Amino acid sequence: MTEKKIIEIAFHGRGGQTAITASQLLAEMAYESGFKDAISIPIIGAERRGAPIQAFSKISRDAQIRSYSSVTDPDFMLIFDTTLLKIPRVFATIKEGVILIINSNHKIYFNNNLPKNVKIYIVDATGISLQYGLVIEGFPILNIPMLGAFAKVSGFYGLDIMEKVIKKKFGSRAEKNMKTARDAFETVKEMI
């Protein structure tokens, strides 16, 4: 990582999958783990369950973040729903060197349509959330397992930092959330 680099993370999900909350929590976790600056940038469009949404986080270990614009060349992309990869504006942001973390219980095939040096990790965030009963109105809450996978892949914060932020944010629901975080942290795997 170069000096004073701002790390940019894009979150692509659907309304109700908690991608915007994940962006906010990631900024808090980065700050708690010693990053100098961290911001969350939600993009609020149609506020309905199932509509494609996006959010962004920017984090920096040693520089103040002065740009609040959306991310167009992310270092990491967290994909909460594989069907979003079929949307051209989402797929177009997959650039050379990006690290993808995809919510899926099976390998994803891209038919050699990806740029060079793209790393792909998968985690069954939906299955994990359902296993622990982390649902709202029958829909799985994906933010915590996706952030658990991100913690493992990026190494930017650990489960101890996640627990601190989750306890502060969710109080009595922290234990169930931490079970999903640990499970995702332990089961995320790189696609080869």
N, C-alpha and C. Protein backbone atom coordinates (compact mmCIF):
# COMPACT_ATOMS: atom_id res chain seq x y z
N MET A 1 0.85 -1.18 0.00
CA MET A 1 0.00 0.00 0.00
C MET A 1 0.90 1.24 0.00
N THR A 2 0.61 2.18 -0.87
CA THR A 2 1.43 3.38 -0.97
C THR A 2 1.12 4.32 0.18
N GLU A 3 2.06 5.21 0.43
CA GLU A 3 1.92 6.21 1.49
C GLU A 3 0.69 7.10 1.24
N LYS A 4 -0.05 7.38 2.29
CA LYS A 4 -1.23 8.25 2.26
C LYS A 4 -2.32 7.76 1.31
N LYS A 5 -2.38 6.47 1.08
CA LYS A 5 -3.39 5.90 0.20
C LYS A 5 -4.74 5.86 0.90
N ILE A 6 -5.75 6.23 0.18
CA ILE A 6 -7.12 6.10 0.66
C ILE A 6 -7.67 4.81 0.06
N ILE A 7 -8.14 3.95 0.92
CA ILE A 7 -8.69 2.67 0.49
C ILE A 7 -10.18 2.86 0.28
N GLU A 8 -10.65 2.44 -0.89
CA GLU A 8 -12.05 2.65 -1.25
C GLU A 8 -12.77 1.30 -1.36
N ILE A 9 -13.94 1.25 -0.74
CA ILE A 9 -14.73 0.03 -0.71
C ILE A 9 -16.12 0.34 -1.23
N ALA A 10 -16.59 -0.49 -2.18
CA ALA A 10 -17.94 -0.34 -2.73
C ALA A 10 -18.81 -1.48 -2.22
N PHE A 11 -20.03 -1.16 -1.83
CA PHE A 11 -21.01 -2.14 -1.37
C PHE A 11 -22.16 -2.14 -2.37
N HIS A 12 -22.49 -3.31 -2.90
CA HIS A 12 -23.62 -3.43 -3.82
C HIS A 12 -24.59 -4.45 -3.24
N GLY A 13 -25.80 -3.99 -2.99
CA GLY A 13 -26.82 -4.86 -2.42
C GLY A 13 -28.19 -4.47 -2.92
N ARG A 14 -29.17 -5.02 -2.26
CA ARG A 14 -30.56 -4.67 -2.54
C ARG A 14 -31.17 -4.10 -1.28
N GLY A 15 -32.16 -3.24 -1.47
CA GLY A 15 -32.83 -2.64 -0.32
C GLY A 15 -33.25 -3.70 0.68
N GLY A 16 -32.90 -3.52 1.94
CA GLY A 16 -33.24 -4.48 2.98
C GLY A 16 -32.11 -5.44 3.32
N GLN A 17 -31.06 -5.48 2.50
CA GLN A 17 -29.93 -6.38 2.76
C GLN A 17 -28.89 -5.75 3.68
N THR A 18 -29.08 -4.52 4.07
CA THR A 18 -28.26 -3.80 5.05
C THR A 18 -26.87 -3.43 4.54
N ALA A 19 -26.73 -3.19 3.24
CA ALA A 19 -25.44 -2.78 2.68
C ALA A 19 -25.06 -1.37 3.15
N ILE A 20 -26.02 -0.48 3.28
CA ILE A 20 -25.72 0.88 3.75
C ILE A 20 -25.24 0.83 5.20
N THR A 21 -25.90 0.04 6.03
CA THR A 21 -25.45 -0.12 7.41
C THR A 21 -24.05 -0.72 7.45
N ALA A 22 -23.77 -1.66 6.56
CA ALA A 22 -22.43 -2.27 6.51
C ALA A 22 -21.37 -1.21 6.21
N SER A 23 -21.66 -0.30 5.31
CA SER A 23 -20.72 0.78 4.98
C SER A 23 -20.44 1.64 6.21
N GLN A 24 -21.50 1.96 6.94
CA GLN A 24 -21.34 2.78 8.15
C GLN A 24 -20.55 2.04 9.22
N LEU A 25 -20.86 0.77 9.42
CA LEU A 25 -20.15 -0.03 10.41
C LEU A 25 -18.68 -0.21 10.04
N LEU A 26 -18.40 -0.40 8.76
CA LEU A 26 -17.00 -0.56 8.34
C LEU A 26 -16.19 0.69 8.67
N ALA A 27 -16.77 1.85 8.44
CA ALA A 27 -16.07 3.10 8.77
C ALA A 27 -15.79 3.17 10.27
N GLU A 28 -16.75 2.77 11.10
CA GLU A 28 -16.55 2.77 12.55
C GLU A 28 -15.47 1.77 12.95
N MET A 29 -15.50 0.59 12.35
CA MET A 29 -14.52 -0.45 12.69
C MET A 29 -13.10 -0.03 12.28
N ALA A 30 -12.99 0.60 11.11
CA ALA A 30 -11.67 1.08 10.67
C ALA A 30 -11.13 2.13 11.63
N TYR A 31 -11.99 3.05 12.02
CA TYR A 31 -11.57 4.11 12.95
C TYR A 31 -11.14 3.51 14.30
N GLU A 32 -11.92 2.56 14.80
CA GLU A 32 -11.61 1.90 16.07
C GLU A 32 -10.29 1.11 16.00
N SER A 33 -9.93 0.66 14.80
CA SER A 33 -8.70 -0.13 14.67
C SER A 33 -7.48 0.72 14.36
N GLY A 34 -7.64 2.05 14.40
CA GLY A 34 -6.49 2.93 14.26
C GLY A 34 -6.35 3.69 12.97
N PHE A 35 -7.31 3.56 12.07
CA PHE A 35 -7.26 4.37 10.85
C PHE A 35 -7.47 5.83 11.24
N LYS A 36 -6.76 6.72 10.58
CA LYS A 36 -6.84 8.15 10.90
C LYS A 36 -8.19 8.74 10.51
N ASP A 37 -8.71 8.30 9.37
CA ASP A 37 -9.98 8.84 8.89
C ASP A 37 -10.78 7.73 8.22
N ALA A 38 -12.08 7.81 8.33
CA ALA A 38 -12.97 6.82 7.74
C ALA A 38 -14.33 7.47 7.53
N ILE A 39 -14.88 7.30 6.32
CA ILE A 39 -16.20 7.86 6.03
C ILE A 39 -17.07 6.83 5.33
N SER A 40 -18.35 7.01 5.46
CA SER A 40 -19.35 6.19 4.79
C SER A 40 -20.15 7.10 3.88
N ILE A 41 -20.39 6.63 2.67
CA ILE A 41 -21.13 7.43 1.69
C ILE A 41 -22.29 6.59 1.15
N PRO A 42 -23.50 6.76 1.71
CA PRO A 42 -24.64 6.00 1.18
C PRO A 42 -25.20 6.68 -0.07
N ILE A 43 -25.66 5.89 -1.00
CA ILE A 43 -26.36 6.41 -2.16
C ILE A 43 -27.81 5.95 -2.01
N ILE A 44 -28.66 6.88 -1.68
CA ILE A 44 -30.06 6.56 -1.41
C ILE A 44 -30.88 6.88 -2.67
N GLY A 45 -31.46 5.84 -3.23
CA GLY A 45 -32.33 6.01 -4.39
C GLY A 45 -33.74 5.61 -4.00
N ALA A 46 -34.30 4.72 -4.78
CA ALA A 46 -35.64 4.21 -4.46
C ALA A 46 -35.55 3.42 -3.16
N GLU A 47 -36.28 3.88 -2.16
CA GLU A 47 -36.24 3.21 -0.86
C GLU A 47 -37.31 2.14 -0.81
N ARG A 48 -37.01 1.02 -1.44
CA ARG A 48 -37.93 -0.10 -1.36
C ARG A 48 -37.12 -1.39 -1.28
N ARG A 49 -37.70 -2.35 -0.60
CA ARG A 49 -37.02 -3.63 -0.43
C ARG A 49 -36.79 -4.26 -1.81
N GLY A 50 -35.57 -4.69 -2.04
CA GLY A 50 -35.23 -5.37 -3.28
C GLY A 50 -34.64 -4.49 -4.36
N ALA A 51 -34.76 -3.17 -4.23
CA ALA A 51 -34.19 -2.27 -5.25
C ALA A 51 -32.67 -2.27 -5.13
N PRO A 52 -31.94 -2.26 -6.26
CA PRO A 52 -30.48 -2.20 -6.17
C PRO A 52 -30.02 -0.92 -5.48
N ILE A 53 -29.10 -1.06 -4.56
CA ILE A 53 -28.55 0.11 -3.85
C ILE A 53 -27.03 -0.01 -3.82
N GLN A 54 -26.40 1.09 -3.52
CA GLN A 54 -24.95 1.07 -3.33
C GLN A 54 -24.56 2.03 -2.22
N ALA A 55 -23.45 1.71 -1.63
CA ALA A 55 -22.87 2.55 -0.60
C ALA A 55 -21.36 2.40 -0.71
N PHE A 56 -20.66 3.34 -0.12
CA PHE A 56 -19.20 3.33 -0.22
C PHE A 56 -18.60 3.68 1.13
N SER A 57 -17.41 3.16 1.35
CA SER A 57 -16.59 3.57 2.49
C SER A 57 -15.23 3.96 1.96
N LYS A 58 -14.66 4.97 2.58
CA LYS A 58 -13.28 5.35 2.29
C LYS A 58 -12.56 5.36 3.64
N ILE A 59 -11.41 4.70 3.69
CA ILE A 59 -10.64 4.65 4.92
C ILE A 59 -9.18 4.96 4.63
N SER A 60 -8.52 5.61 5.58
CA SER A 60 -7.12 5.98 5.40
C SER A 60 -6.37 5.84 6.71
N ARG A 61 -5.22 5.21 6.64
CA ARG A 61 -4.40 5.02 7.84
C ARG A 61 -3.71 6.32 8.27
N ASP A 62 -3.40 7.18 7.31
CA ASP A 62 -2.55 8.32 7.66
C ASP A 62 -2.93 9.64 7.02
N ALA A 63 -4.02 9.72 6.30
CA ALA A 63 -4.39 10.98 5.64
C ALA A 63 -5.85 11.32 5.92
N GLN A 64 -6.13 12.59 5.94
CA GLN A 64 -7.52 13.03 6.06
C GLN A 64 -8.20 12.83 4.71
N ILE A 65 -9.41 12.35 4.73
CA ILE A 65 -10.17 12.14 3.50
C ILE A 65 -10.91 13.42 3.18
N ARG A 66 -10.66 13.96 2.01
CA ARG A 66 -11.26 15.24 1.63
C ARG A 66 -12.30 15.11 0.52
N SER A 67 -12.40 13.94 -0.06
CA SER A 67 -13.36 13.72 -1.15
C SER A 67 -14.53 12.90 -0.62
N TYR A 68 -15.73 13.41 -0.81
CA TYR A 68 -16.93 12.72 -0.37
C TYR A 68 -17.74 12.18 -1.55
N SER A 69 -17.10 12.10 -2.70
CA SER A 69 -17.78 11.61 -3.89
C SER A 69 -17.87 10.09 -3.86
N SER A 70 -18.74 9.54 -4.69
CA SER A 70 -18.87 8.09 -4.75
C SER A 70 -17.59 7.47 -5.32
N VAL A 71 -17.46 6.19 -5.14
CA VAL A 71 -16.26 5.46 -5.53
C VAL A 71 -16.45 4.90 -6.94
N THR A 72 -15.49 5.15 -7.82
CA THR A 72 -15.59 4.62 -9.18
C THR A 72 -14.50 3.59 -9.50
N ASP A 73 -13.46 3.54 -8.67
CA ASP A 73 -12.36 2.59 -8.88
C ASP A 73 -12.01 1.94 -7.52
N PRO A 74 -12.91 1.08 -7.01
CA PRO A 74 -12.72 0.55 -5.66
C PRO A 74 -11.55 -0.42 -5.55
N ASP A 75 -11.02 -0.50 -4.34
CA ASP A 75 -10.00 -1.50 -4.02
C ASP A 75 -10.68 -2.81 -3.62
N PHE A 76 -11.86 -2.70 -3.02
CA PHE A 76 -12.66 -3.84 -2.60
C PHE A 76 -14.10 -3.61 -3.04
N MET A 77 -14.79 -4.69 -3.40
CA MET A 77 -16.23 -4.63 -3.67
C MET A 77 -16.90 -5.75 -2.88
N LEU A 78 -17.92 -5.40 -2.13
CA LEU A 78 -18.71 -6.39 -1.41
C LEU A 78 -20.04 -6.52 -2.13
N ILE A 79 -20.28 -7.69 -2.68
CA ILE A 79 -21.48 -7.95 -3.47
C ILE A 79 -22.44 -8.78 -2.62
N PHE A 80 -23.54 -8.18 -2.20
CA PHE A 80 -24.50 -8.84 -1.31
C PHE A 80 -25.44 -9.77 -2.07
N ASP A 81 -25.57 -9.61 -3.38
CA ASP A 81 -26.51 -10.39 -4.18
C ASP A 81 -25.87 -10.62 -5.55
N THR A 82 -25.66 -11.88 -5.92
CA THR A 82 -24.97 -12.20 -7.18
C THR A 82 -25.70 -11.69 -8.41
N THR A 83 -27.02 -11.52 -8.34
CA THR A 83 -27.75 -11.04 -9.51
C THR A 83 -27.35 -9.61 -9.88
N LEU A 84 -26.77 -8.89 -8.93
CA LEU A 84 -26.33 -7.52 -9.21
C LEU A 84 -25.15 -7.49 -10.17
N LEU A 85 -24.42 -8.59 -10.29
CA LEU A 85 -23.29 -8.65 -11.21
C LEU A 85 -23.75 -8.61 -12.67
N LYS A 86 -25.04 -8.82 -12.90
CA LYS A 86 -25.60 -8.74 -14.26
C LYS A 86 -25.95 -7.31 -14.66
N ILE A 87 -25.90 -6.41 -13.70
CA ILE A 87 -26.21 -5.00 -13.99
C ILE A 87 -24.94 -4.33 -14.54
N PRO A 88 -25.00 -3.79 -15.75
CA PRO A 88 -23.79 -3.24 -16.37
C PRO A 88 -23.02 -2.23 -15.52
N ARG A 89 -23.71 -1.32 -14.83
CA ARG A 89 -22.99 -0.30 -14.04
C ARG A 89 -22.26 -0.91 -12.85
N VAL A 90 -22.75 -2.04 -12.35
CA VAL A 90 -22.06 -2.74 -11.26
C VAL A 90 -20.86 -3.49 -11.83
N PHE A 91 -21.08 -4.27 -12.87
CA PHE A 91 -20.01 -5.06 -13.47
C PHE A 91 -18.88 -4.17 -13.99
N ALA A 92 -19.23 -2.99 -14.50
CA ALA A 92 -18.23 -2.07 -15.07
C ALA A 92 -17.26 -1.53 -14.02
N THR A 93 -17.64 -1.57 -12.75
CA THR A 93 -16.74 -1.06 -11.71
C THR A 93 -15.72 -2.10 -11.26
N ILE A 94 -15.81 -3.31 -11.81
CA ILE A 94 -14.80 -4.33 -11.50
C ILE A 94 -13.57 -4.02 -12.34
N LYS A 95 -12.58 -3.42 -11.70
CA LYS A 95 -11.36 -2.99 -12.39
C LYS A 95 -10.19 -3.91 -12.05
N GLU A 96 -9.12 -3.77 -12.79
CA GLU A 96 -7.92 -4.55 -12.54
C GLU A 96 -7.45 -4.38 -11.10
N GLY A 97 -7.18 -5.49 -10.44
CA GLY A 97 -6.65 -5.46 -9.08
C GLY A 97 -7.68 -5.39 -7.97
N VAL A 98 -8.95 -5.29 -8.29
CA VAL A 98 -9.98 -5.20 -7.25
C VAL A 98 -10.11 -6.56 -6.54
N ILE A 99 -10.52 -6.51 -5.30
CA ILE A 99 -10.82 -7.71 -4.53
C ILE A 99 -12.32 -7.77 -4.33
N LEU A 100 -12.95 -8.83 -4.84
CA LEU A 100 -14.38 -9.03 -4.72
C LEU A 100 -14.68 -9.97 -3.56
N ILE A 101 -15.64 -9.61 -2.74
CA ILE A 101 -16.16 -10.51 -1.71
C ILE A 101 -17.65 -10.66 -2.03
N ILE A 102 -18.02 -11.88 -2.41
CA ILE A 102 -19.36 -12.12 -2.94
C ILE A 102 -20.13 -13.05 -2.01
N ASN A 103 -21.36 -12.66 -1.71
CA ASN A 103 -22.28 -13.51 -0.94
C ASN A 103 -22.78 -14.61 -1.86
N SER A 104 -22.25 -15.82 -1.68
CA SER A 104 -22.68 -16.95 -2.50
C SER A 104 -22.31 -18.24 -1.80
N ASN A 105 -23.12 -19.26 -2.02
CA ASN A 105 -22.80 -20.57 -1.46
C ASN A 105 -22.18 -21.49 -2.51
N HIS A 106 -21.83 -20.94 -3.67
CA HIS A 106 -21.20 -21.73 -4.72
C HIS A 106 -20.26 -20.85 -5.56
N LYS A 107 -19.40 -21.50 -6.31
CA LYS A 107 -18.44 -20.80 -7.16
C LYS A 107 -19.18 -19.97 -8.22
N ILE A 108 -18.63 -18.81 -8.53
CA ILE A 108 -19.21 -17.91 -9.53
C ILE A 108 -18.36 -18.00 -10.79
N TYR A 109 -19.00 -18.10 -11.94
CA TYR A 109 -18.27 -18.19 -13.21
C TYR A 109 -18.43 -16.88 -13.97
N PHE A 110 -17.31 -16.33 -14.41
CA PHE A 110 -17.32 -15.06 -15.13
C PHE A 110 -16.94 -15.21 -16.59
N ASN A 111 -16.72 -16.43 -17.06
CA ASN A 111 -16.38 -16.69 -18.46
C ASN A 111 -15.22 -15.86 -18.98
N ASN A 112 -14.20 -15.69 -18.15
CA ASN A 112 -12.99 -14.93 -18.53
C ASN A 112 -13.29 -13.48 -18.91
N ASN A 113 -14.35 -12.92 -18.38
CA ASN A 113 -14.71 -11.53 -18.69
C ASN A 113 -14.21 -10.54 -17.65
N LEU A 114 -13.30 -10.96 -16.78
CA LEU A 114 -12.80 -10.07 -15.74
C LEU A 114 -11.45 -9.48 -16.13
N PRO A 115 -11.16 -8.29 -15.63
CA PRO A 115 -9.83 -7.71 -15.85
C PRO A 115 -8.77 -8.55 -15.13
N LYS A 116 -7.52 -8.23 -15.37
CA LYS A 116 -6.40 -8.95 -14.75
C LYS A 116 -6.36 -8.70 -13.25
N ASN A 117 -5.77 -9.68 -12.56
CA ASN A 117 -5.47 -9.58 -11.13
C ASN A 117 -6.67 -9.32 -10.24
N VAL A 118 -7.83 -9.77 -10.62
CA VAL A 118 -9.01 -9.66 -9.77
C VAL A 118 -9.03 -10.88 -8.86
N LYS A 119 -9.13 -10.64 -7.57
CA LYS A 119 -9.25 -11.73 -6.61
C LYS A 119 -10.71 -11.83 -6.19
N ILE A 120 -11.19 -13.07 -6.10
CA ILE A 120 -12.59 -13.29 -5.77
C ILE A 120 -12.68 -14.20 -4.55
N TYR A 121 -13.43 -13.74 -3.56
CA TYR A 121 -13.70 -14.52 -2.36
C TYR A 121 -15.20 -14.71 -2.26
N ILE A 122 -15.61 -15.88 -1.76
CA ILE A 122 -17.03 -16.12 -1.56
C ILE A 122 -17.28 -16.49 -0.10
N VAL A 123 -18.45 -16.08 0.37
CA VAL A 123 -18.90 -16.42 1.71
C VAL A 123 -20.42 -16.58 1.64
N ASP A 124 -20.94 -17.59 2.30
CA ASP A 124 -22.38 -17.82 2.30
C ASP A 124 -23.04 -16.98 3.40
N ALA A 125 -23.05 -15.67 3.20
CA ALA A 125 -23.61 -14.75 4.20
C ALA A 125 -25.10 -15.02 4.41
N THR A 126 -25.82 -15.34 3.35
CA THR A 126 -27.25 -15.64 3.49
C THR A 126 -27.45 -16.87 4.36
N GLY A 127 -26.74 -17.94 4.06
CA GLY A 127 -26.87 -19.17 4.84
C GLY A 127 -26.49 -18.97 6.30
N ILE A 128 -25.43 -18.21 6.53
CA ILE A 128 -24.98 -17.93 7.90
C ILE A 128 -26.05 -17.15 8.66
N SER A 129 -26.59 -16.11 8.04
CA SER A 129 -27.62 -15.31 8.70
C SER A 129 -28.86 -16.14 9.01
N LEU A 130 -29.26 -16.97 8.07
CA LEU A 130 -30.43 -17.82 8.30
C LEU A 130 -30.16 -18.84 9.41
N GLN A 131 -28.95 -19.40 9.43
CA GLN A 131 -28.58 -20.38 10.45
C GLN A 131 -28.72 -19.81 11.86
N TYR A 132 -28.35 -18.54 12.04
CA TYR A 132 -28.40 -17.93 13.36
C TYR A 132 -29.66 -17.11 13.61
N GLY A 133 -30.60 -17.16 12.66
CA GLY A 133 -31.86 -16.45 12.84
C GLY A 133 -31.72 -14.94 12.76
N LEU A 134 -30.72 -14.48 12.04
CA LEU A 134 -30.50 -13.05 11.88
C LEU A 134 -31.31 -12.58 10.66
N VAL A 135 -32.61 -12.36 10.88
CA VAL A 135 -33.54 -12.00 9.81
C VAL A 135 -34.47 -10.89 10.27
N ILE A 136 -34.95 -10.14 9.29
CA ILE A 136 -36.01 -9.15 9.53
C ILE A 136 -37.10 -9.44 8.51
N GLU A 137 -38.31 -9.67 9.01
CA GLU A 137 -39.46 -9.96 8.16
C GLU A 137 -39.16 -11.08 7.16
N GLY A 138 -38.40 -12.07 7.60
CA GLY A 138 -38.08 -13.23 6.77
C GLY A 138 -36.88 -13.06 5.85
N PHE A 139 -36.29 -11.87 5.83
CA PHE A 139 -35.14 -11.61 4.96
C PHE A 139 -33.86 -11.61 5.78
N PRO A 140 -32.80 -12.28 5.28
CA PRO A 140 -31.55 -12.34 6.03
C PRO A 140 -30.86 -10.98 6.11
N ILE A 141 -30.27 -10.73 7.26
CA ILE A 141 -29.47 -9.52 7.47
C ILE A 141 -28.02 -9.88 7.13
N LEU A 142 -27.46 -9.22 6.13
CA LEU A 142 -26.18 -9.66 5.58
C LEU A 142 -24.98 -8.81 5.99
N ASN A 143 -25.20 -7.66 6.64
CA ASN A 143 -24.08 -6.76 6.90
C ASN A 143 -22.98 -7.38 7.75
N ILE A 144 -23.33 -8.02 8.84
CA ILE A 144 -22.31 -8.52 9.76
C ILE A 144 -21.52 -9.69 9.16
N PRO A 145 -22.17 -10.70 8.54
CA PRO A 145 -21.34 -11.74 7.94
C PRO A 145 -20.45 -11.21 6.80
N MET A 146 -20.95 -10.25 6.03
CA MET A 146 -20.12 -9.68 4.96
C MET A 146 -18.92 -8.93 5.56
N LEU A 147 -19.14 -8.23 6.67
CA LEU A 147 -18.03 -7.52 7.31
C LEU A 147 -17.07 -8.48 8.01
N GLY A 148 -17.57 -9.62 8.48
CA GLY A 148 -16.69 -10.65 9.03
C GLY A 148 -15.77 -11.21 7.95
N ALA A 149 -16.33 -11.46 6.77
CA ALA A 149 -15.52 -11.93 5.64
C ALA A 149 -14.52 -10.86 5.23
N PHE A 150 -14.95 -9.60 5.19
CA PHE A 150 -14.05 -8.49 4.84
C PHE A 150 -12.90 -8.39 5.83
N ALA A 151 -13.19 -8.58 7.12
CA ALA A 151 -12.14 -8.52 8.14
C ALA A 151 -11.06 -9.56 7.85
N LYS A 152 -11.48 -10.76 7.52
CA LYS A 152 -10.51 -11.84 7.24
C LYS A 152 -9.71 -11.55 5.98
N VAL A 153 -10.39 -11.14 4.92
CA VAL A 153 -9.72 -10.93 3.63
C VAL A 153 -8.79 -9.72 3.67
N SER A 154 -9.24 -8.63 4.26
CA SER A 154 -8.45 -7.39 4.24
C SER A 154 -7.41 -7.32 5.34
N GLY A 155 -7.73 -7.88 6.51
CA GLY A 155 -6.84 -7.77 7.66
C GLY A 155 -6.83 -6.38 8.29
N PHE A 156 -7.78 -5.53 7.93
CA PHE A 156 -7.82 -4.15 8.43
C PHE A 156 -8.28 -4.06 9.88
N TYR A 157 -9.06 -5.01 10.33
CA TYR A 157 -9.52 -5.05 11.72
C TYR A 157 -9.78 -6.51 12.05
N GLY A 158 -9.87 -6.81 13.33
CA GLY A 158 -10.11 -8.18 13.76
C GLY A 158 -11.48 -8.34 14.37
N LEU A 159 -11.76 -9.55 14.81
CA LEU A 159 -13.05 -9.84 15.43
C LEU A 159 -13.21 -9.08 16.74
N ASP A 160 -12.10 -8.76 17.42
CA ASP A 160 -12.19 -7.98 18.66
C ASP A 160 -12.74 -6.59 18.40
N ILE A 161 -12.29 -5.96 17.33
CA ILE A 161 -12.80 -4.63 16.95
C ILE A 161 -14.27 -4.74 16.53
N MET A 162 -14.59 -5.78 15.77
CA MET A 162 -15.99 -5.97 15.36
C MET A 162 -16.88 -6.08 16.59
N GLU A 163 -16.44 -6.87 17.56
CA GLU A 163 -17.25 -7.07 18.76
C GLU A 163 -17.46 -5.76 19.52
N LYS A 164 -16.42 -4.96 19.62
CA LYS A 164 -16.53 -3.67 20.31
C LYS A 164 -17.56 -2.77 19.64
N VAL A 165 -17.49 -2.66 18.32
CA VAL A 165 -18.42 -1.80 17.57
C VAL A 165 -19.83 -2.39 17.60
N ILE A 166 -19.94 -3.69 17.44
CA ILE A 166 -21.26 -4.34 17.41
C ILE A 166 -21.94 -4.22 18.77
N LYS A 167 -21.20 -4.39 19.87
CA LYS A 167 -21.80 -4.24 21.20
C LYS A 167 -22.33 -2.83 21.39
N LYS A 168 -21.55 -1.84 20.94
CA LYS A 168 -21.97 -0.45 21.08
C LYS A 168 -23.22 -0.18 20.23
N LYS A 169 -23.26 -0.75 19.03
CA LYS A 169 -24.34 -0.47 18.09
C LYS A 169 -25.61 -1.29 18.37
N PHE A 170 -25.44 -2.57 18.73
CA PHE A 170 -26.59 -3.47 18.80
C PHE A 170 -26.93 -3.96 20.20
N GLY A 171 -26.13 -3.62 21.19
CA GLY A 171 -26.46 -3.98 22.57
C GLY A 171 -26.72 -5.45 22.78
N SER A 172 -27.94 -5.78 23.21
CA SER A 172 -28.29 -7.16 23.55
C SER A 172 -28.26 -8.11 22.36
N ARG A 173 -28.32 -7.58 21.15
CA ARG A 173 -28.28 -8.43 19.96
C ARG A 173 -26.85 -8.70 19.49
N ALA A 174 -25.87 -8.22 20.23
CA ALA A 174 -24.47 -8.35 19.81
C ALA A 174 -24.01 -9.80 19.72
N GLU A 175 -24.42 -10.64 20.65
CA GLU A 175 -23.94 -12.02 20.67
C GLU A 175 -24.30 -12.77 19.38
N LYS A 176 -25.55 -12.66 18.96
CA LYS A 176 -25.99 -13.34 17.74
C LYS A 176 -25.24 -12.78 16.52
N ASN A 177 -25.05 -11.48 16.49
CA ASN A 177 -24.31 -10.85 15.39
C ASN A 177 -22.87 -11.33 15.37
N MET A 178 -22.25 -11.46 16.53
CA MET A 178 -20.85 -11.91 16.58
C MET A 178 -20.71 -13.36 16.14
N LYS A 179 -21.72 -14.19 16.38
CA LYS A 179 -21.66 -15.57 15.89
C LYS A 179 -21.62 -15.58 14.37
N THR A 180 -22.42 -14.72 13.74
CA THR A 180 -22.40 -14.68 12.27
C THR A 180 -21.07 -14.12 11.77
N ALA A 181 -20.52 -13.13 12.47
CA ALA A 181 -19.23 -12.55 12.06
C ALA A 181 -18.13 -13.60 12.13
N ARG A 182 -18.09 -14.34 13.23
CA ARG A 182 -17.06 -15.39 13.40
C ARG A 182 -17.19 -16.47 12.33
N ASP A 183 -18.42 -16.88 12.08
CA ASP A 183 -18.66 -17.93 11.09
C ASP A 183 -18.19 -17.47 9.71
N ALA A 184 -18.53 -16.26 9.33
CA ALA A 184 -18.10 -15.73 8.02
C ALA A 184 -16.59 -15.57 7.97
N PHE A 185 -16.00 -15.08 9.05
CA PHE A 185 -14.54 -14.91 9.14
C PHE A 185 -13.84 -16.25 8.90
N GLU A 186 -14.40 -17.31 9.47
CA GLU A 186 -13.78 -18.63 9.38
C GLU A 186 -14.07 -19.35 8.07
N THR A 187 -15.15 -19.00 7.37
CA THR A 187 -15.53 -19.78 6.19
C THR A 187 -15.33 -19.06 4.86
N VAL A 188 -15.00 -17.78 4.85
CA VAL A 188 -14.77 -17.10 3.58
C VAL A 188 -13.59 -17.78 2.88
N LYS A 189 -13.71 -17.97 1.57
CA LYS A 189 -12.64 -18.65 0.84
C LYS A 189 -12.42 -18.01 -0.53
N GLU A 190 -11.17 -18.09 -0.95
CA GLU A 190 -10.80 -17.52 -2.25
C GLU A 190 -11.19 -18.50 -3.35
N MET A 191 -11.77 -17.97 -4.42
CA MET A 191 -12.07 -18.77 -5.60
C MET A 191 -10.82 -18.83 -6.45
N ILE A 192 -10.49 -20.00 -6.88
CA ILE A 192 -9.28 -20.14 -7.71
C ILE A 192 -9.66 -20.67 -9.07
